[in-house]
Amino acid sequence: MRTHLPCPDCGKEFEPKEILENSTIAWPELNWIYFLCPQCKKNTHILVEDGRICTVDFIGAPGPDWKVNTPMIEKGITARMDPGYAHVWLDGHHYEFEAKQ
């Protein structure tokens, strides 16, 4: 079972806590947060759901679509989305990400 997620750009692997600590904004309607890799300084969309965290990629034309990459099961993660914020809990810590306007 995977315990780290790799940055799609530089390949450095991160624990879920590191991903949450380095994320800035959210798209709650998609269950996404926006991770800034501290090594290469590139951003990546992260899907966060109860028990799962994954990188995602935009795909397809003519319309926007996306696919899940590198899924990781994280039993301790819980997510709740509302229109203004993404709320994520991990190991007793609450992380809050403001929705992208």
PDB file of N, CA and C in Angstrom:
ATOM      1  N   MET A   1       0.842  -1.185   0.000  1.00  0.00           N
ATOM      2  CA  MET A   1       0.000   0.000   0.000  1.00  0.00           C
ATOM      3  C   MET A   1       0.890   1.253   0.000  1.00  0.00           C
ATOM      4  N   ARG A   2       0.539   2.198  -0.834  1.00  0.00           N
ATOM      5  CA  ARG A   2       1.284   3.443  -0.985  1.00  0.00           C
ATOM      6  C   ARG A   2       1.141   4.286   0.290  1.00  0.00           C
ATOM      7  N   THR A   3       2.260   4.858   0.774  1.00  0.00           N
ATOM      8  CA  THR A   3       2.242   5.726   1.960  1.00  0.00           C
ATOM      9  C   THR A   3       2.606   7.163   1.630  1.00  0.00           C
ATOM     10  N   HIS A   4       3.045   7.414   0.400  1.00  0.00           N
ATOM     11  CA  HIS A   4       3.434   8.736  -0.052  1.00  0.00           C
ATOM     12  C   HIS A   4       2.866   8.981  -1.445  1.00  0.00           C
ATOM     13  N   LEU A   5       2.672  10.256  -1.787  1.00  0.00           N
ATOM     14  CA  LEU A   5       2.267  10.631  -3.142  1.00  0.00           C
ATOM     15  C   LEU A   5       3.409  11.379  -3.807  1.00  0.00           C
ATOM     16  N   PRO A   6       3.737  11.039  -5.054  1.00  0.00           N
ATOM     17  CA  PRO A   6       4.807  11.755  -5.739  1.00  0.00           C
ATOM     18  C   PRO A   6       4.300  13.038  -6.393  1.00  0.00           C
ATOM     19  N   CYS A   7       5.151  14.042  -6.427  1.00  0.00           N
ATOM     20  CA  CYS A   7       4.876  15.234  -7.219  1.00  0.00           C
ATOM     21  C   CYS A   7       4.966  14.808  -8.685  1.00  0.00           C
ATOM     22  N   PRO A   8       3.944  15.106  -9.497  1.00  0.00           N
ATOM     23  CA  PRO A   8       3.992  14.701 -10.903  1.00  0.00           C
ATOM     24  C   PRO A   8       5.109  15.361 -11.708  1.00  0.00           C
ATOM     25  N   ASP A   9       5.629  16.489 -11.211  1.00  0.00           N
ATOM     26  CA  ASP A   9       6.675  17.195 -11.955  1.00  0.00           C
ATOM     27  C   ASP A   9       8.083  16.748 -11.592  1.00  0.00           C
ATOM     28  N   CYS A  10       8.402  16.695 -10.297  1.00  0.00           N
ATOM     29  CA  CYS A  10       9.784  16.367  -9.911  1.00  0.00           C
ATOM     30  C   CYS A  10       9.935  14.950  -9.343  1.00  0.00           C
ATOM     31  N   GLY A  11       8.825  14.301  -8.981  1.00  0.00           N
ATOM     32  CA  GLY A  11       8.880  12.939  -8.479  1.00  0.00           C
ATOM     33  C   GLY A  11       9.129  12.787  -6.997  1.00  0.00           C
ATOM     34  N   LYS A  12       9.440  13.883  -6.295  1.00  0.00           N
ATOM     35  CA  LYS A  12       9.637  13.785  -4.852  1.00  0.00           C
ATOM     36  C   LYS A  12       8.349  13.295  -4.212  1.00  0.00           C
ATOM     37  N   GLU A  13       8.488  12.390  -3.231  1.00  0.00           N
ATOM     38  CA  GLU A  13       7.318  11.815  -2.578  1.00  0.00           C
ATOM     39  C   GLU A  13       7.033  12.516  -1.256  1.00  0.00           C
ATOM     40  N   PHE A  14       5.731  12.670  -0.976  1.00  0.00           N
ATOM     41  CA  PHE A  14       5.275  13.386   0.212  1.00  0.00           C
ATOM     42  C   PHE A  14       4.241  12.571   0.970  1.00  0.00           C
ATOM     43  N   GLU A  15       4.288  12.669   2.300  1.00  0.00           N
ATOM     44  CA  GLU A  15       3.253  12.094   3.150  1.00  0.00           C
ATOM     45  C   GLU A  15       2.006  12.965   3.042  1.00  0.00           C
ATOM     46  N   PRO A  16       0.827  12.419   3.337  1.00  0.00           N
ATOM     47  CA  PRO A  16      -0.390  13.234   3.284  1.00  0.00           C
ATOM     48  C   PRO A  16      -0.302  14.512   4.118  1.00  0.00           C
ATOM     49  N   LYS A  17       0.297  14.451   5.284  1.00  0.00           N
ATOM     50  CA  LYS A  17       0.438  15.641   6.134  1.00  0.00           C
ATOM     51  C   LYS A  17       1.203  16.740   5.402  1.00  0.00           C
ATOM     52  N   GLU A  18       2.284  16.384   4.717  1.00  0.00           N
ATOM     53  CA  GLU A  18       3.073  17.363   3.972  1.00  0.00           C
ATOM     54  C   GLU A  18       2.264  17.971   2.834  1.00  0.00           C
ATOM     55  N   ILE A  19       1.445  17.156   2.184  1.00  0.00           N
ATOM     56  CA  ILE A  19       0.597  17.666   1.101  1.00  0.00           C
ATOM     57  C   ILE A  19      -0.396  18.675   1.652  1.00  0.00           C
ATOM     58  N   LEU A  20      -1.032  18.346   2.759  1.00  0.00           N
ATOM     59  CA  LEU A  20      -2.008  19.261   3.354  1.00  0.00           C
ATOM     60  C   LEU A  20      -1.343  20.544   3.837  1.00  0.00           C
ATOM     61  N   GLU A  21      -0.169  20.446   4.416  1.00  0.00           N
ATOM     62  CA  GLU A  21       0.537  21.628   4.923  1.00  0.00           C
ATOM     63  C   GLU A  21       1.038  22.539   3.807  1.00  0.00           C
ATOM     64  N   ASN A  22       1.150  22.022   2.591  1.00  0.00           N
ATOM     65  CA  ASN A  22       1.650  22.815   1.465  1.00  0.00           C
ATOM     66  C   ASN A  22       0.581  23.077   0.408  1.00  0.00           C
ATOM     67  N   SER A  23      -0.670  22.979   0.804  1.00  0.00           N
ATOM     68  CA  SER A  23      -1.775  23.285  -0.107  1.00  0.00           C
ATOM     69  C   SER A  23      -2.376  24.629   0.278  1.00  0.00           C
ATOM     70  N   THR A  24      -2.949  25.314  -0.716  1.00  0.00           N
ATOM     71  CA  THR A  24      -3.355  26.701  -0.485  1.00  0.00           C
ATOM     72  C   THR A  24      -4.835  26.972  -0.689  1.00  0.00           C
ATOM     73  N   ILE A  25      -5.412  26.517  -1.778  1.00  0.00           N
ATOM     74  CA  ILE A  25      -6.807  26.823  -2.094  1.00  0.00           C
ATOM     75  C   ILE A  25      -7.529  25.531  -2.455  1.00  0.00           C
ATOM     76  N   ALA A  26      -8.843  25.652  -2.719  1.00  0.00           N
ATOM     77  CA  ALA A  26      -9.638  24.458  -3.000  1.00  0.00           C
ATOM     78  C   ALA A  26     -10.685  24.721  -4.064  1.00  0.00           C
ATOM     79  N   TRP A  27     -11.128  23.648  -4.655  1.00  0.00           N
ATOM     80  CA  TRP A  27     -12.313  23.592  -5.500  1.00  0.00           C
ATOM     81  C   TRP A  27     -13.237  22.590  -4.815  1.00  0.00           C
ATOM     82  N   PRO A  28     -14.009  23.046  -3.804  1.00  0.00           N
ATOM     83  CA  PRO A  28     -14.819  22.109  -3.020  1.00  0.00           C
ATOM     84  C   PRO A  28     -15.806  21.297  -3.847  1.00  0.00           C
ATOM     85  N   GLU A  29     -16.326  21.867  -4.928  1.00  0.00           N
ATOM     86  CA  GLU A  29     -17.295  21.138  -5.750  1.00  0.00           C
ATOM     87  C   GLU A  29     -16.676  19.904  -6.409  1.00  0.00           C
ATOM     88  N   LEU A  30     -15.339  19.859  -6.489  1.00  0.00           N
ATOM     89  CA  LEU A  30     -14.627  18.723  -7.077  1.00  0.00           C
ATOM     90  C   LEU A  30     -13.861  17.897  -6.036  1.00  0.00           C
ATOM     91  N   ASN A  31     -13.874  18.341  -4.781  1.00  0.00           N
ATOM     92  CA  ASN A  31     -13.088  17.726  -3.705  1.00  0.00           C
ATOM     93  C   ASN A  31     -11.584  17.875  -3.953  1.00  0.00           C
ATOM     94  N   TRP A  32     -11.185  18.986  -4.574  1.00  0.00           N
ATOM     95  CA  TRP A  32      -9.778  19.238  -4.899  1.00  0.00           C
ATOM     96  C   TRP A  32      -9.186  20.302  -3.997  1.00  0.00           C
ATOM     97  N   ILE A  33      -7.892  20.107  -3.687  1.00  0.00           N
ATOM     98  CA  ILE A  33      -7.069  21.157  -3.100  1.00  0.00           C
ATOM     99  C   ILE A  33      -5.878  21.369  -4.030  1.00  0.00           C
ATOM    100  N   TYR A  34      -5.170  22.477  -3.845  1.00  0.00           N
ATOM    101  CA  TYR A  34      -4.073  22.857  -4.741  1.00  0.00           C
ATOM    102  C   TYR A  34      -2.765  22.802  -3.972  1.00  0.00           C
ATOM    103  N   PHE A  35      -1.934  21.816  -4.299  1.00  0.00           N
ATOM    104  CA  PHE A  35      -0.671  21.551  -3.620  1.00  0.00           C
ATOM    105  C   PHE A  35       0.478  22.257  -4.331  1.00  0.00           C
ATOM    106  N   LEU A  36       1.316  22.962  -3.567  1.00  0.00           N
ATOM    107  CA  LEU A  36       2.532  23.582  -4.089  1.00  0.00           C
ATOM    108  C   LEU A  36       3.713  22.747  -3.612  1.00  0.00           C
ATOM    109  N   CYS A  37       4.386  22.087  -4.541  1.00  0.00           N
ATOM    110  CA  CYS A  37       5.534  21.248  -4.191  1.00  0.00           C
ATOM    111  C   CYS A  37       6.651  22.128  -3.630  1.00  0.00           C
ATOM    112  N   PRO A  38       7.099  21.850  -2.400  1.00  0.00           N
ATOM    113  CA  PRO A  38       8.172  22.669  -1.830  1.00  0.00           C
ATOM    114  C   PRO A  38       9.522  22.467  -2.516  1.00  0.00           C
ATOM    115  N   GLN A  39       9.666  21.399  -3.287  1.00  0.00           N
ATOM    116  CA  GLN A  39      10.940  21.159  -3.966  1.00  0.00           C
ATOM    117  C   GLN A  39      11.008  21.856  -5.321  1.00  0.00           C
ATOM    118  N   CYS A  40      10.035  21.609  -6.197  1.00  0.00           N
ATOM    119  CA  CYS A  40      10.128  22.161  -7.559  1.00  0.00           C
ATOM    120  C   CYS A  40       9.257  23.411  -7.758  1.00  0.00           C
ATOM    121  N   LYS A  41       8.421  23.728  -6.757  1.00  0.00           N
ATOM    122  CA  LYS A  41       7.562  24.933  -6.789  1.00  0.00           C
ATOM    123  C   LYS A  41       6.478  24.876  -7.862  1.00  0.00           C
ATOM    124  N   LYS A  42       6.100  23.669  -8.295  1.00  0.00           N
ATOM    125  CA  LYS A  42       4.998  23.499  -9.247  1.00  0.00           C
ATOM    126  C   LYS A  42       3.739  23.109  -8.486  1.00  0.00           C
ATOM    127  N   ASN A  43       2.586  23.501  -9.008  1.00  0.00           N
ATOM    128  CA  ASN A  43       1.306  23.184  -8.377  1.00  0.00           C
ATOM    129  C   ASN A  43       0.697  21.918  -8.972  1.00  0.00           C
ATOM    130  N   THR A  44      -0.049  21.215  -8.140  1.00  0.00           N
ATOM    131  CA  THR A  44      -0.740  19.997  -8.538  1.00  0.00           C
ATOM    132  C   THR A  44      -2.108  19.966  -7.865  1.00  0.00           C
ATOM    133  N   HIS A  45      -3.109  19.519  -8.607  1.00  0.00           N
ATOM    134  CA  HIS A  45      -4.440  19.320  -8.030  1.00  0.00           C
ATOM    135  C   HIS A  45      -4.452  17.983  -7.289  1.00  0.00           C
ATOM    136  N   ILE A  46      -5.043  18.005  -6.090  1.00  0.00           N
ATOM    137  CA  ILE A  46      -5.123  16.816  -5.247  1.00  0.00           C
ATOM    138  C   ILE A  46      -6.590  16.552  -4.925  1.00  0.00           C
ATOM    139  N   LEU A  47      -7.042  15.344  -5.166  1.00  0.00           N
ATOM    140  CA  LEU A  47      -8.387  14.915  -4.799  1.00  0.00           C
ATOM    141  C   LEU A  47      -8.334  14.383  -3.369  1.00  0.00           C
ATOM    142  N   VAL A  48      -9.216  14.899  -2.503  1.00  0.00           N
ATOM    143  CA  VAL A  48      -9.262  14.456  -1.113  1.00  0.00           C
ATOM    144  C   VAL A  48     -10.681  13.973  -0.813  1.00  0.00           C
ATOM    145  N   GLU A  49     -10.786  12.733  -0.383  1.00  0.00           N
ATOM    146  CA  GLU A  49     -12.062  12.140   0.013  1.00  0.00           C
ATOM    147  C   GLU A  49     -11.842  11.351   1.299  1.00  0.00           C
ATOM    148  N   ASP A  50     -12.912  10.987   1.955  1.00  0.00           N
ATOM    149  CA  ASP A  50     -12.772  10.155   3.143  1.00  0.00           C
ATOM    150  C   ASP A  50     -11.996   8.892   2.787  1.00  0.00           C
ATOM    151  N   GLY A  51     -10.865   8.711   3.438  1.00  0.00           N
ATOM    152  CA  GLY A  51     -10.076   7.502   3.243  1.00  0.00           C
ATOM    153  C   GLY A  51      -9.197   7.459   2.011  1.00  0.00           C
ATOM    154  N   ARG A  52      -9.136   8.551   1.228  1.00  0.00           N
ATOM    155  CA  ARG A  52      -8.353   8.520  -0.015  1.00  0.00           C
ATOM    156  C   ARG A  52      -7.831   9.902  -0.364  1.00  0.00           C
ATOM    157  N   ILE A  53      -6.609   9.931  -0.898  1.00  0.00           N
ATOM    158  CA  ILE A  53      -5.989  11.161  -1.397  1.00  0.00           C
ATOM    159  C   ILE A  53      -5.245  10.789  -2.683  1.00  0.00           C
ATOM    160  N   CYS A  54      -5.382  11.614  -3.746  1.00  0.00           N
ATOM    161  CA  CYS A  54      -4.823  11.273  -5.059  1.00  0.00           C
ATOM    162  C   CYS A  54      -4.385  12.534  -5.796  1.00  0.00           C
ATOM    163  N   THR A  55      -3.430  12.369  -6.695  1.00  0.00           N
ATOM    164  CA  THR A  55      -3.155  13.436  -7.654  1.00  0.00           C
ATOM    165  C   THR A  55      -4.150  13.281  -8.797  1.00  0.00           C
ATOM    166  N   VAL A  56      -4.487  14.397  -9.451  1.00  0.00           N
ATOM    167  CA  VAL A  56      -5.397  14.361 -10.599  1.00  0.00           C
ATOM    168  C   VAL A  56      -4.797  15.165 -11.746  1.00  0.00           C
ATOM    169  N   ASP A  57      -5.157  14.766 -12.960  1.00  0.00           N
ATOM    170  CA  ASP A  57      -4.707  15.459 -14.167  1.00  0.00           C
ATOM    171  C   ASP A  57      -5.903  15.858 -14.995  1.00  0.00           C
ATOM    172  N   PHE A  58      -5.801  17.009 -15.649  1.00  0.00           N
ATOM    173  CA  PHE A  58      -6.793  17.410 -16.643  1.00  0.00           C
ATOM    174  C   PHE A  58      -6.503  16.629 -17.915  1.00  0.00           C
ATOM    175  N   ILE A  59      -7.568  16.137 -18.554  1.00  0.00           N
ATOM    176  CA  ILE A  59      -7.409  15.414 -19.817  1.00  0.00           C
ATOM    177  C   ILE A  59      -8.538  15.803 -20.755  1.00  0.00           C
ATOM    178  N   GLY A  60      -8.376  15.418 -22.003  1.00  0.00           N
ATOM    179  CA  GLY A  60      -9.461  15.476 -22.960  1.00  0.00           C
ATOM    180  C   GLY A  60      -9.754  16.827 -23.553  1.00  0.00           C
ATOM    181  N   ALA A  61     -10.146  16.741 -24.776  1.00  0.00           N
ATOM    182  CA  ALA A  61     -10.676  17.878 -25.505  1.00  0.00           C
ATOM    183  C   ALA A  61     -11.785  17.300 -26.356  1.00  0.00           C
ATOM    184  N   PRO A  62     -12.804  17.962 -26.605  1.00  0.00           N
ATOM    185  CA  PRO A  62     -13.000  19.404 -26.556  1.00  0.00           C
ATOM    186  C   PRO A  62     -13.398  19.940 -25.189  1.00  0.00           C
ATOM    187  N   GLY A  63     -13.915  19.107 -24.302  1.00  0.00           N
ATOM    188  CA  GLY A  63     -14.367  19.616 -23.006  1.00  0.00           C
ATOM    189  C   GLY A  63     -13.419  19.232 -21.899  1.00  0.00           C
ATOM    190  N   PRO A  64     -13.482  19.930 -20.795  1.00  0.00           N
ATOM    191  CA  PRO A  64     -12.598  19.596 -19.683  1.00  0.00           C
ATOM    192  C   PRO A  64     -13.025  18.293 -19.019  1.00  0.00           C
ATOM    193  N   ASP A  65     -12.059  17.494 -18.680  1.00  0.00           N
ATOM    194  CA  ASP A  65     -12.273  16.265 -17.939  1.00  0.00           C
ATOM    195  C   ASP A  65     -11.010  16.023 -17.122  1.00  0.00           C
ATOM    196  N   TRP A  66     -11.049  15.071 -16.213  1.00  0.00           N
ATOM    197  CA  TRP A  66      -9.882  14.790 -15.400  1.00  0.00           C
ATOM    198  C   TRP A  66      -9.839  13.320 -15.058  1.00  0.00           C
ATOM    199  N   LYS A  67      -8.630  12.861 -14.679  1.00  0.00           N
ATOM    200  CA  LYS A  67      -8.459  11.469 -14.273  1.00  0.00           C
ATOM    201  C   LYS A  67      -7.638  11.418 -12.995  1.00  0.00           C
ATOM    202  N   VAL A  68      -7.911  10.397 -12.218  1.00  0.00           N
ATOM    203  CA  VAL A  68      -7.186  10.168 -10.964  1.00  0.00           C
ATOM    204  C   VAL A  68      -5.871   9.479 -11.283  1.00  0.00           C
ATOM    205  N   ASN A  69      -4.798   9.999 -10.714  1.00  0.00           N
ATOM    206  CA  ASN A  69      -3.468   9.381 -10.793  1.00  0.00           C
ATOM    207  C   ASN A  69      -3.028   9.029  -9.380  1.00  0.00           C
ATOM    208  N   THR A  70      -2.205   8.061  -9.262  1.00  0.00           N
ATOM    209  CA  THR A  70      -1.527   7.729  -8.018  1.00  0.00           C
ATOM    210  C   THR A  70      -2.453   7.774  -6.802  1.00  0.00           C
ATOM    211  N   PRO A  71      -3.502   6.974  -6.780  1.00  0.00           N
ATOM    212  CA  PRO A  71      -4.355   6.978  -5.592  1.00  0.00           C
ATOM    213  C   PRO A  71      -3.634   6.401  -4.384  1.00  0.00           C
ATOM    214  N   MET A  72      -3.957   6.914  -3.228  1.00  0.00           N
ATOM    215  CA  MET A  72      -3.384   6.429  -1.988  1.00  0.00           C
ATOM    216  C   MET A  72      -4.496   6.300  -0.973  1.00  0.00           C
ATOM    217  N   ILE A  73      -4.598   5.157  -0.339  1.00  0.00           N
ATOM    218  CA  ILE A  73      -5.574   4.952   0.727  1.00  0.00           C
ATOM    219  C   ILE A  73      -4.979   5.522   2.010  1.00  0.00           C
ATOM    220  N   GLU A  74      -5.710   6.400   2.653  1.00  0.00           N
ATOM    221  CA  GLU A  74      -5.284   6.984   3.925  1.00  0.00           C
ATOM    222  C   GLU A  74      -6.489   6.921   4.853  1.00  0.00           C
ATOM    223  N   LYS A  75      -6.537   5.865   5.660  1.00  0.00           N
ATOM    224  CA  LYS A  75      -7.711   5.622   6.497  1.00  0.00           C
ATOM    225  C   LYS A  75      -7.991   6.755   7.472  1.00  0.00           C
ATOM    226  N   GLY A  76      -6.978   7.494   7.864  1.00  0.00           N
ATOM    227  CA  GLY A  76      -7.155   8.549   8.851  1.00  0.00           C
ATOM    228  C   GLY A  76      -7.629   9.875   8.295  1.00  0.00           C
ATOM    229  N   ILE A  77      -7.856   9.966   6.992  1.00  0.00           N
ATOM    230  CA  ILE A  77      -8.230  11.252   6.399  1.00  0.00           C
ATOM    231  C   ILE A  77      -9.746  11.340   6.228  1.00  0.00           C
ATOM    232  N   THR A  78     -10.287  12.501   6.587  1.00  0.00           N
ATOM    233  CA  THR A  78     -11.715  12.783   6.439  1.00  0.00           C
ATOM    234  C   THR A  78     -11.851  14.139   5.771  1.00  0.00           C
ATOM    235  N   ALA A  79     -12.783  14.242   4.841  1.00  0.00           N
ATOM    236  CA  ALA A  79     -12.984  15.498   4.116  1.00  0.00           C
ATOM    237  C   ALA A  79     -14.452  15.903   4.165  1.00  0.00           C
ATOM    238  N   ARG A  80     -14.679  17.209   4.290  1.00  0.00           N
ATOM    239  CA  ARG A  80     -16.022  17.771   4.199  1.00  0.00           C
ATOM    240  C   ARG A  80     -15.917  19.036   3.375  1.00  0.00           C
ATOM    241  N   MET A  81     -16.757  19.130   2.381  1.00  0.00           N
ATOM    242  CA  MET A  81     -16.725  20.280   1.487  1.00  0.00           C
ATOM    243  C   MET A  81     -17.981  21.113   1.685  1.00  0.00           C
ATOM    244  N   ASP A  82     -17.805  22.432   1.698  1.00  0.00           N
ATOM    245  CA  ASP A  82     -18.950  23.337   1.649  1.00  0.00           C
ATOM    246  C   ASP A  82     -18.628  24.381   0.583  1.00  0.00           C
ATOM    247  N   PRO A  83     -19.569  25.218   0.199  1.00  0.00           N
ATOM    248  CA  PRO A  83     -19.311  26.130  -0.927  1.00  0.00           C
ATOM    249  C   PRO A  83     -18.109  27.057  -0.747  1.00  0.00           C
ATOM    250  N   GLY A  84     -17.778  27.404   0.473  1.00  0.00           N
ATOM    251  CA  GLY A  84     -16.690  28.350   0.690  1.00  0.00           C
ATOM    252  C   GLY A  84     -15.352  27.748   1.063  1.00  0.00           C
ATOM    253  N   TYR A  85     -15.363  26.492   1.516  1.00  0.00           N
ATOM    254  CA  TYR A  85     -14.128  25.892   2.034  1.00  0.00           C
ATOM    255  C   TYR A  85     -14.111  24.384   1.831  1.00  0.00           C
ATOM    256  N   ALA A  86     -12.893  23.852   1.758  1.00  0.00           N
ATOM    257  CA  ALA A  86     -12.656  22.415   1.885  1.00  0.00           C
ATOM    258  C   ALA A  86     -12.086  22.205   3.279  1.00  0.00           C
ATOM    259  N   HIS A  87     -12.667  21.295   4.018  1.00  0.00           N
ATOM    260  CA  HIS A  87     -12.202  20.961   5.368  1.00  0.00           C
ATOM    261  C   HIS A  87     -11.654  19.543   5.334  1.00  0.00           C
ATOM    262  N   VAL A  88     -10.438  19.375   5.840  1.00  0.00           N
ATOM    263  CA  VAL A  88      -9.807  18.061   5.854  1.00  0.00           C
ATOM    264  C   VAL A  88      -9.238  17.824   7.247  1.00  0.00           C
ATOM    265  N   TRP A  89      -9.476  16.626   7.761  1.00  0.00           N
ATOM    266  CA  TRP A  89      -8.936  16.234   9.053  1.00  0.00           C
ATOM    267  C   TRP A  89      -8.002  15.057   8.854  1.00  0.00           C
ATOM    268  N   LEU A  90      -6.838  15.124   9.520  1.00  0.00           N
ATOM    269  CA  LEU A  90      -5.859  14.040   9.478  1.00  0.00           C
ATOM    270  C   LEU A  90      -5.144  13.999  10.816  1.00  0.00           C
ATOM    271  N   ASP A  91      -5.169  12.864  11.456  1.00  0.00           N
ATOM    272  CA  ASP A  91      -4.475  12.667  12.736  1.00  0.00           C
ATOM    273  C   ASP A  91      -4.826  13.740  13.761  1.00  0.00           C
ATOM    274  N   GLY A  92      -6.092  14.091  13.841  1.00  0.00           N
ATOM    275  CA  GLY A  92      -6.558  15.055  14.830  1.00  0.00           C
ATOM    276  C   GLY A  92      -6.335  16.506  14.457  1.00  0.00           C
ATOM    277  N   HIS A  93      -5.755  16.785  13.314  1.00  0.00           N
ATOM    278  CA  HIS A  93      -5.526  18.158  12.859  1.00  0.00           C
ATOM    279  C   HIS A  93      -6.564  18.527  11.805  1.00  0.00           C
ATOM    280  N   HIS A  94      -7.026  19.769  11.873  1.00  0.00           N
ATOM    281  CA  HIS A  94      -7.999  20.278  10.910  1.00  0.00           C
ATOM    282  C   HIS A  94      -7.281  21.229   9.950  1.00  0.00           C
ATOM    283  N   TYR A  95      -7.445  20.994   8.666  1.00  0.00           N
ATOM    284  CA  TYR A  95      -6.889  21.848   7.618  1.00  0.00           C
ATOM    285  C   TYR A  95      -8.069  22.463   6.875  1.00  0.00           C
ATOM    286  N   GLU A  96      -7.988  23.751   6.607  1.00  0.00           N
ATOM    287  CA  GLU A  96      -9.071  24.467   5.952  1.00  0.00           C
ATOM    288  C   GLU A  96      -8.511  25.206   4.737  1.00  0.00           C
ATOM    289  N   PHE A  97      -9.159  25.025   3.598  1.00  0.00           N
ATOM    290  CA  PHE A  97      -8.708  25.646   2.351  1.00  0.00           C
ATOM    291  C   PHE A  97      -9.848  26.441   1.756  1.00  0.00           C
ATOM    292  N   GLU A  98      -9.610  27.725   1.539  1.00  0.00           N
ATOM    293  CA  GLU A  98     -10.642  28.591   0.961  1.00  0.00           C
ATOM    294  C   GLU A  98     -10.893  28.232  -0.486  1.00  0.00           C
ATOM    295  N   ALA A  99     -12.172  28.310  -0.879  1.00  0.00           N
ATOM    296  CA  ALA A  99     -12.550  27.981  -2.246  1.00  0.00           C
ATOM    297  C   ALA A  99     -12.002  29.013  -3.217  1.00  0.00           C
ATOM    298  N   LYS A 100     -11.542  28.536  -4.358  1.00  0.00           N
ATOM    299  CA  LYS A 100     -11.081  29.428  -5.433  1.00  0.00           C
ATOM    300  C   LYS A 100     -12.274  30.195  -5.961  1.00  0.00           C
ATOM    301  N   GLN A 101     -12.129  31.495  -6.063  1.00  0.00           N
ATOM    302  CA  GLN A 101     -13.228  32.342  -6.537  1.00  0.00           C
ATOM    303  C   GLN A 101     -13.183  32.509  -8.033  1.00  0.00           C
TER     304      GLN A 101
END
